[in-house]
Amino acid sequence: MKNNEEKYTLVENVEHKQYEFHIGGQIARIEYIKAQNIVYLTHTEIPAQLEGKGIGSALVKQVLQDIKEKDLTLVPLCPFVALYIKRHPEWKVLVLKGINIV
């Protein structure tokens, strides 16, 4: 079985300041704040019906890939995003220097 990140298309909803997956009429999202070249990921929300399917992790991974491609610096304020980075330390290179992922 393929990884979930293959199944979903990342949408950046600039108007609402969030990254989104549209799945079966529902929206999984990560909210953000951008200031210059720094992006603050503030909140992740996965609809209850979609929880436990790896959708949150797939969403975080695609958002991190987008941040990397845009050469932005990350401040992971959302605990879910911080935990993902802790479990996948290869993404720590995106995190603003001086921010510790614990």
Protein backbone atom coordinates (compact mmCIF):
# COMPACT_ATOMS: atom_id res chain seq x y z
CA MET A 1 0.00 0.00 0.00
CA LYS A 2 1.29 3.45 -0.90
CA ASN A 3 1.95 6.11 1.69
CA ASN A 4 -0.88 8.55 2.34
CA GLU A 5 1.14 11.51 1.08
CA GLU A 6 0.74 10.06 -2.43
CA LYS A 7 -3.08 10.21 -2.19
CA TYR A 8 -3.72 13.82 -1.26
CA THR A 9 -3.08 17.12 -2.99
CA LEU A 10 -1.79 19.98 -0.86
CA VAL A 11 -3.62 23.27 -1.30
CA GLU A 12 -2.29 26.52 0.12
CA ASN A 13 -5.32 28.64 0.98
CA VAL A 14 -3.61 32.04 1.23
CA GLU A 15 -6.85 33.86 2.02
CA HIS A 16 -7.43 31.71 5.13
CA LYS A 17 -3.71 31.32 5.90
CA GLN A 18 -3.74 27.56 5.94
CA TYR A 19 -2.54 24.52 4.07
CA GLU A 20 -5.32 22.06 3.27
CA PHE A 21 -6.16 18.56 2.13
CA HIS A 22 -9.70 18.25 0.74
CA ILE A 23 -10.93 14.72 1.53
CA GLY A 24 -14.49 13.54 1.01
CA GLY A 25 -16.01 16.97 1.49
CA GLN A 26 -13.93 17.65 4.60
CA ILE A 27 -10.82 19.73 5.13
CA ALA A 28 -7.72 18.72 7.08
CA ARG A 29 -5.69 21.86 7.73
CA ILE A 30 -2.55 23.40 9.16
CA GLU A 31 -2.91 27.08 9.97
CA TYR A 32 0.07 29.40 9.59
CA ILE A 33 1.41 32.90 9.95
CA LYS A 34 4.05 34.14 7.50
CA ALA A 35 6.39 37.03 8.25
CA GLN A 36 9.16 37.75 5.72
CA ASN A 37 10.78 34.37 5.07
CA ILE A 38 9.58 32.73 8.30
CA VAL A 39 6.48 30.56 8.50
CA TYR A 40 4.91 29.81 11.87
CA LEU A 41 2.77 26.67 11.82
CA THR A 42 0.26 27.40 14.56
CA HIS A 43 -2.46 24.73 14.53
CA THR A 44 -3.26 21.39 12.89
CA GLU A 45 -6.85 20.22 12.62
CA ILE A 46 -7.97 16.87 11.26
CA PRO A 47 -11.73 16.13 11.15
CA ALA A 48 -12.65 13.39 13.64
CA GLN A 49 -13.80 11.03 10.87
CA LEU A 50 -10.33 11.25 9.28
CA GLU A 51 -8.26 10.73 12.44
CA GLY A 52 -6.02 7.69 12.81
CA LYS A 53 -5.46 7.24 9.08
CA GLY A 54 -2.08 8.96 8.77
CA ILE A 55 -3.63 12.02 7.17
CA GLY A 56 -2.15 14.44 9.71
CA SER A 57 1.35 13.08 9.18
CA ALA A 58 0.93 13.17 5.39
CA LEU A 59 -0.27 16.77 5.64
CA VAL A 60 2.69 17.82 7.80
CA LYS A 61 5.13 16.12 5.42
CA GLN A 62 3.73 17.89 2.36
CA VAL A 63 3.69 21.25 4.17
CA LEU A 64 7.33 20.77 5.19
CA GLN A 65 8.20 19.91 1.58
CA ASP A 66 6.48 23.12 0.44
CA ILE A 67 8.36 25.17 3.04
CA LYS A 68 11.64 23.61 1.89
CA GLU A 69 10.89 24.27 -1.80
CA LYS A 70 10.08 27.92 -1.03
CA ASP A 71 13.29 28.22 1.03
CA LEU A 72 11.40 29.44 4.10
CA THR A 73 12.39 29.08 7.74
CA LEU A 74 10.03 27.21 10.07
CA VAL A 75 8.85 27.93 13.59
CA PRO A 76 6.68 24.94 14.60
CA LEU A 77 4.31 26.35 17.23
CA CYS A 78 1.85 23.49 16.75
CA PRO A 79 2.65 20.53 19.04
CA PHE A 80 1.62 18.02 16.34
CA VAL A 81 4.07 19.54 13.84
CA ALA A 82 6.84 19.67 16.47
CA LEU A 83 6.26 15.99 17.32
CA TYR A 84 6.41 15.06 13.64
CA ILE A 85 9.77 16.85 13.30
CA LYS A 86 11.04 15.15 16.46
CA ARG A 87 10.15 11.78 14.92
CA HIS A 88 11.61 12.78 11.52
CA PRO A 89 14.75 14.75 12.44
CA GLU A 90 15.75 15.23 8.80
CA TRP A 91 13.27 18.16 8.81
CA LYS A 92 15.06 20.00 11.64
CA VAL A 93 17.15 21.80 9.00
CA LEU A 94 14.06 23.95 8.27
CA VAL A 95 13.61 25.06 11.88
CA LEU A 96 14.74 28.54 12.93
CA LYS A 97 18.11 28.40 14.68
CA GLY A 98 17.68 28.50 18.46
CA ILE A 99 14.31 26.72 18.42
CA ASN A 100 14.60 23.37 20.18
CA ILE A 101 12.32 20.49 19.25
CA VAL A 102 11.72 18.49 22.44
